[in-house]
Amino acid sequence: NDTKESLLCVPKNILETFGAVSKETTSYMLQGGYELFNTDIVAAVTGVAGPSGGTTEKPVGTVYIGVKFRDMICIEKCFYTGDRNQIRHKAAEKILVKLIDLVK
């Protein structure tokens, strides 16, 4: 959360209200990355990859994936199964596919 807040400018009240794993946090992460790197395209991912940390509301495998290309923003909530590395790998694949689709 500290990195999201300090580097990507996610407001503390957003993290406290919606949590680090949320559409709202992902949106701020995208905007923060977009401004920080001064780029046309940026991606962000936040999730619960496990093996612990899940809740009933956000179980292990809950991941928000976001991409921003100029003025276009797409954020998707995904659910993955598997161990920590499998969940992270599936999220990374999804982001790459989204980025390729946006650039096309």
PDB file of N, CA and C in Angstrom:
ATOM      1  N   ASN A   1       0.815  -1.199   0.000  1.00  0.00           N
ATOM      2  CA  ASN A   1       0.000   0.000   0.000  1.00  0.00           C
ATOM      3  C   ASN A   1       0.855   1.257   0.000  1.00  0.00           C
ATOM      4  N   ASP A   2       1.960   1.206   0.710  1.00  0.00           N
ATOM      5  CA  ASP A   2       2.845   2.374   0.757  1.00  0.00           C
ATOM      6  C   ASP A   2       3.340   2.747  -0.640  1.00  0.00           C
ATOM      7  N   THR A   3       3.716   1.764  -1.421  1.00  0.00           N
ATOM      8  CA  THR A   3       4.200   2.026  -2.783  1.00  0.00           C
ATOM      9  C   THR A   3       3.077   2.557  -3.656  1.00  0.00           C
ATOM     10  N   LYS A   4       1.904   1.985  -3.529  1.00  0.00           N
ATOM     11  CA  LYS A   4       0.767   2.473  -4.307  1.00  0.00           C
ATOM     12  C   LYS A   4       0.498   3.938  -3.976  1.00  0.00           C
ATOM     13  N   GLU A   5       0.601   4.249  -2.702  1.00  0.00           N
ATOM     14  CA  GLU A   5       0.322   5.617  -2.254  1.00  0.00           C
ATOM     15  C   GLU A   5       1.442   6.580  -2.634  1.00  0.00           C
ATOM     16  N   SER A   6       2.686   6.199  -2.359  1.00  0.00           N
ATOM     17  CA  SER A   6       3.790   7.144  -2.568  1.00  0.00           C
ATOM     18  C   SER A   6       4.236   7.238  -4.029  1.00  0.00           C
ATOM     19  N   LEU A   7       4.300   6.140  -4.733  1.00  0.00           N
ATOM     20  CA  LEU A   7       4.815   6.153  -6.100  1.00  0.00           C
ATOM     21  C   LEU A   7       3.719   6.426  -7.130  1.00  0.00           C
ATOM     22  N   LEU A   8       2.545   5.811  -6.941  1.00  0.00           N
ATOM     23  CA  LEU A   8       1.481   5.918  -7.940  1.00  0.00           C
ATOM     24  C   LEU A   8       0.368   6.875  -7.540  1.00  0.00           C
ATOM     25  N   CYS A   9       0.540   7.526  -6.399  1.00  0.00           N
ATOM     26  CA  CYS A   9      -0.399   8.570  -5.945  1.00  0.00           C
ATOM     27  C   CYS A   9      -1.820   8.064  -5.716  1.00  0.00           C
ATOM     28  N   VAL A  10      -1.953   6.831  -5.242  1.00  0.00           N
ATOM     29  CA  VAL A  10      -3.275   6.333  -4.849  1.00  0.00           C
ATOM     30  C   VAL A  10      -3.597   6.974  -3.502  1.00  0.00           C
ATOM     31  N   PRO A  11      -4.688   7.728  -3.410  1.00  0.00           N
ATOM     32  CA  PRO A  11      -5.019   8.381  -2.141  1.00  0.00           C
ATOM     33  C   PRO A  11      -5.253   7.367  -1.011  1.00  0.00           C
ATOM     34  N   LYS A  12      -4.768   7.714   0.153  1.00  0.00           N
ATOM     35  CA  LYS A  12      -4.895   6.836   1.316  1.00  0.00           C
ATOM     36  C   LYS A  12      -6.365   6.496   1.584  1.00  0.00           C
ATOM     37  N   ASN A  13      -7.262   7.474   1.414  1.00  0.00           N
ATOM     38  CA  ASN A  13      -8.675   7.203   1.689  1.00  0.00           C
ATOM     39  C   ASN A  13      -9.260   6.194   0.696  1.00  0.00           C
ATOM     40  N   ILE A  14      -8.741   6.133  -0.528  1.00  0.00           N
ATOM     41  CA  ILE A  14      -9.186   5.120  -1.504  1.00  0.00           C
ATOM     42  C   ILE A  14      -8.752   3.738  -1.030  1.00  0.00           C
ATOM     43  N   LEU A  15      -7.501   3.629  -0.590  1.00  0.00           N
ATOM     44  CA  LEU A  15      -7.003   2.356  -0.084  1.00  0.00           C
ATOM     45  C   LEU A  15      -7.782   1.915   1.153  1.00  0.00           C
ATOM     46  N   GLU A  16      -8.087   2.846   2.034  1.00  0.00           N
ATOM     47  CA  GLU A  16      -8.824   2.504   3.254  1.00  0.00           C
ATOM     48  C   GLU A  16     -10.278   2.164   2.965  1.00  0.00           C
ATOM     49  N   THR A  17     -10.892   2.861   2.029  1.00  0.00           N
ATOM     50  CA  THR A  17     -12.314   2.661   1.733  1.00  0.00           C
ATOM     51  C   THR A  17     -12.556   1.423   0.872  1.00  0.00           C
ATOM     52  N   PHE A  18     -11.779   1.270  -0.198  1.00  0.00           N
ATOM     53  CA  PHE A  18     -12.027   0.201  -1.166  1.00  0.00           C
ATOM     54  C   PHE A  18     -11.028  -0.951  -1.076  1.00  0.00           C
ATOM     55  N   GLY A  19      -9.881  -0.702  -0.459  1.00  0.00           N
ATOM     56  CA  GLY A  19      -8.850  -1.726  -0.343  1.00  0.00           C
ATOM     57  C   GLY A  19      -7.852  -1.652  -1.486  1.00  0.00           C
ATOM     58  N   ALA A  20      -6.715  -2.297  -1.275  1.00  0.00           N
ATOM     59  CA  ALA A  20      -5.654  -2.300  -2.283  1.00  0.00           C
ATOM     60  C   ALA A  20      -6.066  -3.087  -3.519  1.00  0.00           C
ATOM     61  N   VAL A  21      -6.946  -4.051  -3.331  1.00  0.00           N
ATOM     62  CA  VAL A  21      -7.428  -4.878  -4.437  1.00  0.00           C
ATOM     63  C   VAL A  21      -8.838  -4.418  -4.780  1.00  0.00           C
ATOM     64  N   SER A  22      -8.919  -3.448  -5.694  1.00  0.00           N
ATOM     65  CA  SER A  22     -10.221  -2.891  -6.063  1.00  0.00           C
ATOM     66  C   SER A  22     -10.114  -2.173  -7.405  1.00  0.00           C
ATOM     67  N   LYS A  23     -11.261  -1.969  -8.015  1.00  0.00           N
ATOM     68  CA  LYS A  23     -11.323  -1.236  -9.275  1.00  0.00           C
ATOM     69  C   LYS A  23     -10.838   0.198  -9.066  1.00  0.00           C
ATOM     70  N   GLU A  24     -11.238   0.785  -7.957  1.00  0.00           N
ATOM     71  CA  GLU A  24     -10.874   2.178  -7.672  1.00  0.00           C
ATOM     72  C   GLU A  24      -9.362   2.338  -7.526  1.00  0.00           C
ATOM     73  N   THR A  25      -8.736   1.420  -6.798  1.00  0.00           N
ATOM     74  CA  THR A  25      -7.286   1.483  -6.627  1.00  0.00           C
ATOM     75  C   THR A  25      -6.582   1.277  -7.959  1.00  0.00           C
ATOM     76  N   THR A  26      -7.066   0.329  -8.744  1.00  0.00           N
ATOM     77  CA  THR A  26      -6.477   0.079 -10.062  1.00  0.00           C
ATOM     78  C   THR A  26      -6.554   1.319 -10.933  1.00  0.00           C
ATOM     79  N   SER A  27      -7.672   2.015 -10.886  1.00  0.00           N
ATOM     80  CA  SER A  27      -7.843   3.231 -11.673  1.00  0.00           C
ATOM     81  C   SER A  27      -6.799   4.285 -11.296  1.00  0.00           C
ATOM     82  N   TYR A  28      -6.605   4.483 -10.010  1.00  0.00           N
ATOM     83  CA  TYR A  28      -5.591   5.448  -9.559  1.00  0.00           C
ATOM     84  C   TYR A  28      -4.180   4.984  -9.906  1.00  0.00           C
ATOM     85  N   MET A  29      -3.935   3.672  -9.840  1.00  0.00           N
ATOM     86  CA  MET A  29      -2.624   3.145 -10.212  1.00  0.00           C
ATOM     87  C   MET A  29      -2.334   3.438 -11.681  1.00  0.00           C
ATOM     88  N   LEU A  30      -3.338   3.263 -12.530  1.00  0.00           N
ATOM     89  CA  LEU A  30      -3.161   3.549 -13.951  1.00  0.00           C
ATOM     90  C   LEU A  30      -2.837   5.017 -14.181  1.00  0.00           C
ATOM     91  N   GLN A  31      -3.609   5.880 -13.568  1.00  0.00           N
ATOM     92  CA  GLN A  31      -3.385   7.314 -13.759  1.00  0.00           C
ATOM     93  C   GLN A  31      -2.026   7.730 -13.198  1.00  0.00           C
ATOM     94  N   GLY A  32      -1.668   7.188 -12.035  1.00  0.00           N
ATOM     95  CA  GLY A  32      -0.369   7.505 -11.438  1.00  0.00           C
ATOM     96  C   GLY A  32       0.788   7.044 -12.312  1.00  0.00           C
ATOM     97  N   GLY A  33       0.688   5.831 -12.865  1.00  0.00           N
ATOM     98  CA  GLY A  33       1.725   5.314 -13.753  1.00  0.00           C
ATOM     99  C   GLY A  33       1.806   6.099 -15.042  1.00  0.00           C
ATOM    100  N   TYR A  34       0.650   6.479 -15.545  1.00  0.00           N
ATOM    101  CA  TYR A  34       0.566   7.264 -16.776  1.00  0.00           C
ATOM    102  C   TYR A  34       1.296   8.598 -16.615  1.00  0.00           C
ATOM    103  N   GLU A  35       1.066   9.249 -15.494  1.00  0.00           N
ATOM    104  CA  GLU A  35       1.707  10.538 -15.231  1.00  0.00           C
ATOM    105  C   GLU A  35       3.185  10.380 -14.861  1.00  0.00           C
ATOM    106  N   LEU A  36       3.496   9.361 -14.062  1.00  0.00           N
ATOM    107  CA  LEU A  36       4.873   9.151 -13.622  1.00  0.00           C
ATOM    108  C   LEU A  36       5.814   8.880 -14.790  1.00  0.00           C
ATOM    109  N   PHE A  37       5.362   8.038 -15.707  1.00  0.00           N
ATOM    110  CA  PHE A  37       6.228   7.634 -16.813  1.00  0.00           C
ATOM    111  C   PHE A  37       6.010   8.443 -18.088  1.00  0.00           C
ATOM    112  N   ASN A  38       5.008   9.339 -18.082  1.00  0.00           N
ATOM    113  CA  ASN A  38       4.738  10.201 -19.229  1.00  0.00           C
ATOM    114  C   ASN A  38       4.706   9.394 -20.528  1.00  0.00           C
ATOM    115  N   THR A  39       3.796   8.428 -20.554  1.00  0.00           N
ATOM    116  CA  THR A  39       3.726   7.499 -21.664  1.00  0.00           C
ATOM    117  C   THR A  39       2.315   7.450 -22.243  1.00  0.00           C
ATOM    118  N   ASP A  40       2.160   6.849 -23.390  1.00  0.00           N
ATOM    119  CA  ASP A  40       0.839   6.693 -23.996  1.00  0.00           C
ATOM    120  C   ASP A  40       0.101   5.476 -23.467  1.00  0.00           C
ATOM    121  N   ILE A  41       0.839   4.515 -22.935  1.00  0.00           N
ATOM    122  CA  ILE A  41       0.210   3.267 -22.501  1.00  0.00           C
ATOM    123  C   ILE A  41       0.801   2.815 -21.168  1.00  0.00           C
ATOM    124  N   VAL A  42      -0.068   2.320 -20.311  1.00  0.00           N
ATOM    125  CA  VAL A  42       0.371   1.852 -18.996  1.00  0.00           C
ATOM    126  C   VAL A  42      -0.533   0.703 -18.565  1.00  0.00           C
ATOM    127  N   ALA A  43       0.008  -0.189 -17.750  1.00  0.00           N
ATOM    128  CA  ALA A  43      -0.759  -1.315 -17.225  1.00  0.00           C
ATOM    129  C   ALA A  43      -0.597  -1.355 -15.711  1.00  0.00           C
ATOM    130  N   ALA A  44      -1.611  -1.885 -15.044  1.00  0.00           N
ATOM    131  CA  ALA A  44      -1.555  -2.031 -13.589  1.00  0.00           C
ATOM    132  C   ALA A  44      -2.256  -3.314 -13.194  1.00  0.00           C
ATOM    133  N   VAL A  45      -1.750  -3.938 -12.170  1.00  0.00           N
ATOM    134  CA  VAL A  45      -2.383  -5.151 -11.640  1.00  0.00           C
ATOM    135  C   VAL A  45      -2.281  -5.114 -10.129  1.00  0.00           C
ATOM    136  N   THR A  46      -3.353  -5.506  -9.487  1.00  0.00           N
ATOM    137  CA  THR A  46      -3.362  -5.630  -8.036  1.00  0.00           C
ATOM    138  C   THR A  46      -4.259  -6.809  -7.703  1.00  0.00           C
ATOM    139  N   GLY A  47      -3.822  -7.611  -6.767  1.00  0.00           N
ATOM    140  CA  GLY A  47      -4.619  -8.793  -6.470  1.00  0.00           C
ATOM    141  C   GLY A  47      -4.170  -9.531  -5.228  1.00  0.00           C
ATOM    142  N   VAL A  48      -4.874 -10.619  -4.978  1.00  0.00           N
ATOM    143  CA  VAL A  48      -4.564 -11.510  -3.866  1.00  0.00           C
ATOM    144  C   VAL A  48      -4.060 -12.810  -4.484  1.00  0.00           C
ATOM    145  N   ALA A  49      -2.748 -12.951  -4.565  1.00  0.00           N
ATOM    146  CA  ALA A  49      -2.163 -14.119  -5.226  1.00  0.00           C
ATOM    147  C   ALA A  49      -1.964 -15.295  -4.266  1.00  0.00           C
ATOM    148  N   GLY A  50      -2.092 -15.050  -2.965  1.00  0.00           N
ATOM    149  CA  GLY A  50      -1.967 -16.136  -1.995  1.00  0.00           C
ATOM    150  C   GLY A  50      -0.528 -16.380  -1.595  1.00  0.00           C
ATOM    151  N   PRO A  51      -0.288 -17.376  -0.827  1.00  0.00           N
ATOM    152  CA  PRO A  51      -1.254 -18.391  -0.427  1.00  0.00           C
ATOM    153  C   PRO A  51      -2.241 -17.931   0.641  1.00  0.00           C
ATOM    154  N   SER A  52      -1.979 -16.793   1.260  1.00  0.00           N
ATOM    155  CA  SER A  52      -2.923 -16.287   2.261  1.00  0.00           C
ATOM    156  C   SER A  52      -3.333 -14.880   1.866  1.00  0.00           C
ATOM    157  N   GLY A  53      -4.103 -14.236   2.715  1.00  0.00           N
ATOM    158  CA  GLY A  53      -4.504 -12.861   2.474  1.00  0.00           C
ATOM    159  C   GLY A  53      -5.896 -12.718   1.905  1.00  0.00           C
ATOM    160  N   GLY A  54      -6.506 -13.809   1.521  1.00  0.00           N
ATOM    161  CA  GLY A  54      -7.846 -13.740   0.954  1.00  0.00           C
ATOM    162  C   GLY A  54      -8.913 -13.567   2.021  1.00  0.00           C
ATOM    163  N   THR A  55     -10.048 -13.034   1.597  1.00  0.00           N
ATOM    164  CA  THR A  55     -11.212 -12.888   2.462  1.00  0.00           C
ATOM    165  C   THR A  55     -12.416 -13.457   1.709  1.00  0.00           C
ATOM    166  N   THR A  56     -13.565 -13.493   2.357  1.00  0.00           N
ATOM    167  CA  THR A  56     -14.762 -13.965   1.650  1.00  0.00           C
ATOM    168  C   THR A  56     -15.099 -13.034   0.499  1.00  0.00           C
ATOM    169  N   GLU A  57     -14.910 -11.740   0.719  1.00  0.00           N
ATOM    170  CA  GLU A  57     -15.203 -10.751  -0.315  1.00  0.00           C
ATOM    171  C   GLU A  57     -14.165 -10.768  -1.443  1.00  0.00           C
ATOM    172  N   LYS A  58     -12.903 -10.972  -1.061  1.00  0.00           N
ATOM    173  CA  LYS A  58     -11.804 -10.991  -2.034  1.00  0.00           C
ATOM    174  C   LYS A  58     -10.933 -12.224  -1.764  1.00  0.00           C
ATOM    175  N   PRO A  59     -11.388 -13.385  -2.260  1.00  0.00           N
ATOM    176  CA  PRO A  59     -10.612 -14.610  -2.008  1.00  0.00           C
ATOM    177  C   PRO A  59      -9.305 -14.636  -2.794  1.00  0.00           C
ATOM    178  N   VAL A  60      -8.419 -15.529  -2.387  1.00  0.00           N
ATOM    179  CA  VAL A  60      -7.181 -15.734  -3.135  1.00  0.00           C
ATOM    180  C   VAL A  60      -7.561 -16.005  -4.589  1.00  0.00           C
ATOM    181  N   GLY A  61      -6.892 -15.332  -5.481  1.00  0.00           N
ATOM    182  CA  GLY A  61      -7.172 -15.459  -6.908  1.00  0.00           C
ATOM    183  C   GLY A  61      -7.907 -14.263  -7.479  1.00  0.00           C
ATOM    184  N   THR A  62      -8.355 -13.341  -6.602  1.00  0.00           N
ATOM    185  CA  THR A  62      -9.019 -12.121  -7.064  1.00  0.00           C
ATOM    186  C   THR A  62      -7.955 -11.154  -7.566  1.00  0.00           C
ATOM    187  N   VAL A  63      -8.100 -10.721  -8.805  1.00  0.00           N
ATOM    188  CA  VAL A  63      -7.110  -9.841  -9.421  1.00  0.00           C
ATOM    189  C   VAL A  63      -7.831  -8.773 -10.247  1.00  0.00           C
ATOM    190  N   TYR A  64      -7.386  -7.547 -10.116  1.00  0.00           N
ATOM    191  CA  TYR A  64      -7.851  -6.459 -10.981  1.00  0.00           C
ATOM    192  C   TYR A  64      -6.730  -6.140 -11.954  1.00  0.00           C
ATOM    193  N   ILE A  65      -7.074  -6.144 -13.229  1.00  0.00           N
ATOM    194  CA  ILE A  65      -6.123  -5.868 -14.295  1.00  0.00           C
ATOM    195  C   ILE A  65      -6.601  -4.623 -15.030  1.00  0.00           C
ATOM    196  N   GLY A  66      -5.712  -3.668 -15.186  1.00  0.00           N
ATOM    197  CA  GLY A  66      -6.096  -2.446 -15.875  1.00  0.00           C
ATOM    198  C   GLY A  66      -5.065  -2.036 -16.906  1.00  0.00           C
ATOM    199  N   VAL A  67      -5.551  -1.460 -17.982  1.00  0.00           N
ATOM    200  CA  VAL A  67      -4.674  -0.878 -18.992  1.00  0.00           C
ATOM    201  C   VAL A  67      -5.237   0.479 -19.390  1.00  0.00           C
ATOM    202  N   LYS A  68      -4.342   1.389 -19.670  1.00  0.00           N
ATOM    203  CA  LYS A  68      -4.718   2.732 -20.127  1.00  0.00           C
ATOM    204  C   LYS A  68      -3.900   3.029 -21.364  1.00  0.00           C
ATOM    205  N   PHE A  69      -4.600   3.400 -22.441  1.00  0.00           N
ATOM    206  CA  PHE A  69      -3.949   3.786 -23.681  1.00  0.00           C
ATOM    207  C   PHE A  69      -4.523   5.137 -24.075  1.00  0.00           C
ATOM    208  N   ARG A  70      -3.727   6.168 -23.911  1.00  0.00           N
ATOM    209  CA  ARG A  70      -4.165   7.546 -24.110  1.00  0.00           C
ATOM    210  C   ARG A  70      -5.395   7.812 -23.243  1.00  0.00           C
ATOM    211  N   ASP A  71      -6.559   8.032 -23.844  1.00  0.00           N
ATOM    212  CA  ASP A  71      -7.761   8.318 -23.050  1.00  0.00           C
ATOM    213  C   ASP A  71      -8.632   7.087 -22.799  1.00  0.00           C
ATOM    214  N   MET A  72      -8.217   5.926 -23.280  1.00  0.00           N
ATOM    215  CA  MET A  72      -9.001   4.710 -23.130  1.00  0.00           C
ATOM    216  C   MET A  72      -8.531   3.932 -21.904  1.00  0.00           C
ATOM    217  N   ILE A  73      -9.469   3.607 -21.026  1.00  0.00           N
ATOM    218  CA  ILE A  73      -9.147   2.846 -19.816  1.00  0.00           C
ATOM    219  C   ILE A  73     -10.012   1.598 -19.786  1.00  0.00           C
ATOM    220  N   CYS A  74      -9.383   0.473 -19.478  1.00  0.00           N
ATOM    221  CA  CYS A  74     -10.100  -0.791 -19.340  1.00  0.00           C
ATOM    222  C   CYS A  74      -9.628  -1.466 -18.059  1.00  0.00           C
ATOM    223  N   ILE A  75     -10.571  -1.728 -17.163  1.00  0.00           N
ATOM    224  CA  ILE A  75     -10.254  -2.416 -15.909  1.00  0.00           C
ATOM    225  C   ILE A  75     -11.157  -3.633 -15.825  1.00  0.00           C
ATOM    226  N   GLU A  76     -10.553  -4.764 -15.518  1.00  0.00           N
ATOM    227  CA  GLU A  76     -11.302  -6.018 -15.451  1.00  0.00           C
ATOM    228  C   GLU A  76     -10.996  -6.745 -14.143  1.00  0.00           C
ATOM    229  N   LYS A  77     -12.043  -7.248 -13.513  1.00  0.00           N
ATOM    230  CA  LYS A  77     -11.885  -8.069 -12.314  1.00  0.00           C
ATOM    231  C   LYS A  77     -11.838  -9.519 -12.762  1.00  0.00           C
ATOM    232  N   CYS A  78     -10.791 -10.229 -12.344  1.00  0.00           N
ATOM    233  CA  CYS A  78     -10.600 -11.617 -12.748  1.00  0.00           C
ATOM    234  C   CYS A  78     -10.489 -12.506 -11.513  1.00  0.00           C
ATOM    235  N   PHE A  79     -10.774 -13.766 -11.713  1.00  0.00           N
ATOM    236  CA  PHE A  79     -10.597 -14.763 -10.658  1.00  0.00           C
ATOM    237  C   PHE A  79      -9.763 -15.905 -11.236  1.00  0.00           C
ATOM    238  N   TYR A  80      -8.658 -16.203 -10.581  1.00  0.00           N
ATOM    239  CA  TYR A  80      -7.774 -17.261 -11.037  1.00  0.00           C
ATOM    240  C   TYR A  80      -7.602 -18.311  -9.945  1.00  0.00           C
ATOM    241  N   THR A  81      -7.325 -19.518 -10.376  1.00  0.00           N
ATOM    242  CA  THR A  81      -7.033 -20.596  -9.432  1.00  0.00           C
ATOM    243  C   THR A  81      -5.580 -21.002  -9.600  1.00  0.00           C
ATOM    244  N   GLY A  82      -5.077 -21.709  -8.623  1.00  0.00           N
ATOM    245  CA  GLY A  82      -3.704 -22.182  -8.673  1.00  0.00           C
ATOM    246  C   GLY A  82      -2.899 -21.611  -7.518  1.00  0.00           C
ATOM    247  N   ASP A  83      -1.607 -21.889  -7.544  1.00  0.00           N
ATOM    248  CA  ASP A  83      -0.744 -21.353  -6.492  1.00  0.00           C
ATOM    249  C   ASP A  83      -0.349 -19.923  -6.849  1.00  0.00           C
ATOM    250  N   ARG A  84       0.429 -19.311  -5.983  1.00  0.00           N
ATOM    251  CA  ARG A  84       0.803 -17.907  -6.150  1.00  0.00           C
ATOM    252  C   ARG A  84       1.417 -17.628  -7.531  1.00  0.00           C
ATOM    253  N   ASN A  85       2.376 -18.466  -7.931  1.00  0.00           N
ATOM    254  CA  ASN A  85       3.044 -18.255  -9.216  1.00  0.00           C
ATOM    255  C   ASN A  85       2.091 -18.437 -10.391  1.00  0.00           C
ATOM    256  N   GLN A  86       1.186 -19.400 -10.305  1.00  0.00           N
ATOM    257  CA  GLN A  86       0.225 -19.615 -11.387  1.00  0.00           C
ATOM    258  C   GLN A  86      -0.722 -18.423 -11.520  1.00  0.00           C
ATOM    259  N   ILE A  87      -1.179 -17.902 -10.396  1.00  0.00           N
ATOM    260  CA  ILE A  87      -2.075 -16.741 -10.415  1.00  0.00           C
ATOM    261  C   ILE A  87      -1.352 -15.535 -11.018  1.00  0.00           C
ATOM    262  N   ARG A  88      -0.140 -15.298 -10.602  1.00  0.00           N
ATOM    263  CA  ARG A  88       0.630 -14.172 -11.128  1.00  0.00           C
ATOM    264  C   ARG A  88       0.900 -14.340 -12.624  1.00  0.00           C
ATOM    265  N   HIS A  89       1.205 -15.546 -13.043  1.00  0.00           N
ATOM    266  CA  HIS A  89       1.467 -15.830 -14.453  1.00  0.00           C
ATOM    267  C   HIS A  89       0.215 -15.585 -15.293  1.00  0.00           C
ATOM    268  N   LYS A  90      -0.938 -16.045 -14.819  1.00  0.00           N
ATOM    269  CA  LYS A  90      -2.196 -15.850 -15.552  1.00  0.00           C
ATOM    270  C   LYS A  90      -2.541 -14.359 -15.662  1.00  0.00           C
ATOM    271  N   ALA A  91      -2.297 -13.608 -14.597  1.00  0.00           N
ATOM    272  CA  ALA A  91      -2.560 -12.166 -14.617  1.00  0.00           C
ATOM    273  C   ALA A  91      -1.626 -11.467 -15.609  1.00  0.00           C
ATOM    274  N   ALA A  92      -0.363 -11.854 -15.625  1.00  0.00           N
ATOM    275  CA  ALA A  92       0.600 -11.254 -16.554  1.00  0.00           C
ATOM    276  C   ALA A  92       0.211 -11.549 -18.003  1.00  0.00           C
ATOM    277  N   GLU A  93      -0.211 -12.770 -18.276  1.00  0.00           N
ATOM    278  CA  GLU A  93      -0.659 -13.119 -19.633  1.00  0.00           C
ATOM    279  C   GLU A  93      -1.855 -12.264 -20.046  1.00  0.00           C
ATOM    280  N   LYS A  94      -2.796 -12.102 -19.129  1.00  0.00           N
ATOM    281  CA  LYS A  94      -3.996 -11.326 -19.426  1.00  0.00           C
ATOM    282  C   LYS A  94      -3.642  -9.881 -19.756  1.00  0.00           C
ATOM    283  N   ILE A  95      -2.721  -9.297 -18.988  1.00  0.00           N
ATOM    284  CA  ILE A  95      -2.307  -7.918 -19.240  1.00  0.00           C
ATOM    285  C   ILE A  95      -1.643  -7.799 -20.605  1.00  0.00           C
ATOM    286  N   LEU A  96      -0.785  -8.722 -20.946  1.00  0.00           N
ATOM    287  CA  LEU A  96      -0.114  -8.661 -22.246  1.00  0.00           C
ATOM    288  C   LEU A  96      -1.123  -8.739 -23.386  1.00  0.00           C
ATOM    289  N   VAL A  97      -2.112  -9.606 -23.268  1.00  0.00           N
ATOM    290  CA  VAL A  97      -3.145  -9.715 -24.301  1.00  0.00           C
ATOM    291  C   VAL A  97      -3.917  -8.402 -24.405  1.00  0.00           C
ATOM    292  N   LYS A  98      -4.275  -7.806 -23.276  1.00  0.00           N
ATOM    293  CA  LYS A  98      -5.006  -6.532 -23.282  1.00  0.00           C
ATOM    294  C   LYS A  98      -4.173  -5.420 -23.923  1.00  0.00           C
ATOM    295  N   LEU A  99      -2.897  -5.370 -23.589  1.00  0.00           N
ATOM    296  CA  LEU A  99      -2.032  -4.343 -24.170  1.00  0.00           C
ATOM    297  C   LEU A  99      -1.915  -4.500 -25.690  1.00  0.00           C
ATOM    298  N   ILE A 100      -1.744  -5.722 -26.138  1.00  0.00           N
ATOM    299  CA  ILE A 100      -1.652  -5.982 -27.575  1.00  0.00           C
ATOM    300  C   ILE A 100      -2.957  -5.574 -28.262  1.00  0.00           C
ATOM    301  N   ASP A 101      -4.095  -5.935 -27.660  1.00  0.00           N
ATOM    302  CA  ASP A 101      -5.398  -5.562 -28.238  1.00  0.00           C
ATOM    303  C   ASP A 101      -5.573  -4.054 -28.339  1.00  0.00           C
ATOM    304  N   LEU A 102      -5.147  -3.333 -27.303  1.00  0.00           N
ATOM    305  CA  LEU A 102      -5.278  -1.887 -27.322  1.00  0.00           C
ATOM    306  C   LEU A 102      -4.423  -1.227 -28.390  1.00  0.00           C
ATOM    307  N   VAL A 103      -3.223  -1.731 -28.554  1.00  0.00           N
ATOM    308  CA  VAL A 103      -2.298  -1.148 -29.515  1.00  0.00           C
ATOM    309  C   VAL A 103      -2.773  -1.402 -30.948  1.00  0.00           C
ATOM    310  N   LYS A 104      -3.432  -2.538 -31.155  1.00  0.00           N
ATOM    311  CA  LYS A 104      -3.964  -2.833 -32.497  1.00  0.00           C
ATOM    312  C   LYS A 104      -4.987  -1.807 -32.840  1.00  0.00           C
TER     313      LYS A 104
END
